[in-house]
Amino acid sequence: MTERDKGSPASRFLVRQGFKGWMVYDRQRRGPAVVGISLAVNLTKEQAERIERTLMDKRERGIIPD
């Protein structure tokens, strides 16, 4: 049984490989996540994972709405 089968909502942000490097995908926007005024694209995998953790933390603290 997967988390989705348990009724747990999918994470809003996920790291995935883009055309050039890695990106943080925002499922709500249906595109790259926005960090400040920039899109989270063309990153190293480590950069993308760090940004994803930061965005998830901000979402959990209510800084980023659901």
C-alpha atoms as a PDB file:
ATOM      1  CA  MET A   1       0.000   0.000   0.000  1.00  0.00           C
ATOM      2  CA  THR A   2       1.410   3.402  -0.979  1.00  0.00           C
ATOM      3  CA  GLU A   3       1.010   6.692   0.865  1.00  0.00           C
ATOM      4  CA  ARG A   4      -1.490   7.810  -1.750  1.00  0.00           C
ATOM      5  CA  ASP A   5      -3.628   4.730  -0.978  1.00  0.00           C
ATOM      6  CA  LYS A   6      -3.593   5.696   2.716  1.00  0.00           C
ATOM      7  CA  GLY A   7      -5.238   9.035   1.915  1.00  0.00           C
ATOM      8  CA  SER A   8      -2.134  11.058   2.656  1.00  0.00           C
ATOM      9  CA  PRO A   9      -1.888  14.111   0.361  1.00  0.00           C
ATOM     10  CA  ALA A  10       0.982  14.216  -2.117  1.00  0.00           C
ATOM     11  CA  SER A  11       3.764  16.665  -1.431  1.00  0.00           C
ATOM     12  CA  ARG A  12       3.288  20.008  -3.168  1.00  0.00           C
ATOM     13  CA  PHE A  13       6.975  20.226  -4.173  1.00  0.00           C
ATOM     14  CA  LEU A  14       9.195  17.590  -5.724  1.00  0.00           C
ATOM     15  CA  VAL A  15      12.666  17.439  -7.224  1.00  0.00           C
ATOM     16  CA  ARG A  16      12.850  16.196 -10.781  1.00  0.00           C
ATOM     17  CA  GLN A  17      15.248  16.283 -13.674  1.00  0.00           C
ATOM     18  CA  GLY A  18      14.643  19.065 -16.186  1.00  0.00           C
ATOM     19  CA  PHE A  19      16.031  19.744 -19.654  1.00  0.00           C
ATOM     20  CA  LYS A  20      19.199  21.272 -18.175  1.00  0.00           C
ATOM     21  CA  GLY A  21      19.972  19.997 -14.722  1.00  0.00           C
ATOM     22  CA  TRP A  22      17.401  19.634 -11.958  1.00  0.00           C
ATOM     23  CA  MET A  23      14.321  21.580 -10.918  1.00  0.00           C
ATOM     24  CA  VAL A  24      11.851  21.883  -8.059  1.00  0.00           C
ATOM     25  CA  TYR A  25       8.384  21.217  -9.454  1.00  0.00           C
ATOM     26  CA  ASP A  26       5.349  22.829  -7.807  1.00  0.00           C
ATOM     27  CA  ARG A  27       2.289  20.616  -8.265  1.00  0.00           C
ATOM     28  CA  GLN A  28      -0.065  23.471  -7.393  1.00  0.00           C
ATOM     29  CA  ARG A  29       1.394  25.802 -10.051  1.00  0.00           C
ATOM     30  CA  ARG A  30       1.905  22.878 -12.453  1.00  0.00           C
ATOM     31  CA  GLY A  31       5.361  24.150 -13.250  1.00  0.00           C
ATOM     32  CA  PRO A  32       8.665  25.136 -11.671  1.00  0.00           C
ATOM     33  CA  ALA A  33       8.571  26.463  -8.118  1.00  0.00           C
ATOM     34  CA  VAL A  34       9.109  30.191  -7.672  1.00  0.00           C
ATOM     35  CA  VAL A  35      11.838  31.242  -5.231  1.00  0.00           C
ATOM     36  CA  GLY A  36      11.748  34.987  -4.735  1.00  0.00           C
ATOM     37  CA  ILE A  37      11.446  36.207  -8.318  1.00  0.00           C
ATOM     38  CA  SER A  38      13.273  33.262  -9.922  1.00  0.00           C
ATOM     39  CA  LEU A  39      12.170  29.845 -11.122  1.00  0.00           C
ATOM     40  CA  ALA A  40      13.832  26.854  -9.432  1.00  0.00           C
ATOM     41  CA  VAL A  41      15.291  25.409 -12.649  1.00  0.00           C
ATOM     42  CA  ASN A  42      18.719  24.501 -14.071  1.00  0.00           C
ATOM     43  CA  LEU A  43      20.041  23.482 -10.650  1.00  0.00           C
ATOM     44  CA  THR A  44      22.342  20.795  -9.360  1.00  0.00           C
ATOM     45  CA  LYS A  45      20.512  17.969  -7.633  1.00  0.00           C
ATOM     46  CA  GLU A  46      21.868  19.155  -4.274  1.00  0.00           C
ATOM     47  CA  GLN A  47      20.611  22.718  -4.848  1.00  0.00           C
ATOM     48  CA  ALA A  48      17.175  21.446  -5.851  1.00  0.00           C
ATOM     49  CA  GLU A  49      16.926  19.197  -2.788  1.00  0.00           C
ATOM     50  CA  ARG A  50      17.935  22.068  -0.489  1.00  0.00           C
ATOM     51  CA  ILE A  51      15.329  24.385  -2.045  1.00  0.00           C
ATOM     52  CA  GLU A  52      12.660  21.673  -1.769  1.00  0.00           C
ATOM     53  CA  ARG A  53      13.406  21.221   1.954  1.00  0.00           C
ATOM     54  CA  THR A  54      13.251  24.995   2.488  1.00  0.00           C
ATOM     55  CA  LEU A  55       9.926  25.318   0.651  1.00  0.00           C
ATOM     56  CA  MET A  56       8.421  22.355   2.530  1.00  0.00           C
ATOM     57  CA  ASP A  57       9.553  23.845   5.849  1.00  0.00           C
ATOM     58  CA  LYS A  58       7.989  27.209   4.963  1.00  0.00           C
ATOM     59  CA  ARG A  59       4.776  25.456   3.946  1.00  0.00           C
ATOM     60  CA  GLU A  60       4.630  23.533   7.226  1.00  0.00           C
ATOM     61  CA  ARG A  61       5.114  26.795   9.168  1.00  0.00           C
ATOM     62  CA  GLY A  62       2.300  28.450   7.205  1.00  0.00           C
ATOM     63  CA  ILE A  63       4.519  30.924   5.344  1.00  0.00           C
ATOM     64  CA  ILE A  64       3.510  29.352   2.006  1.00  0.00           C
ATOM     65  CA  PRO A  65      -0.229  28.613   1.724  1.00  0.00           C
ATOM     66  CA  ASP A  66      -1.502  25.161   0.731  1.00  0.00           C
END
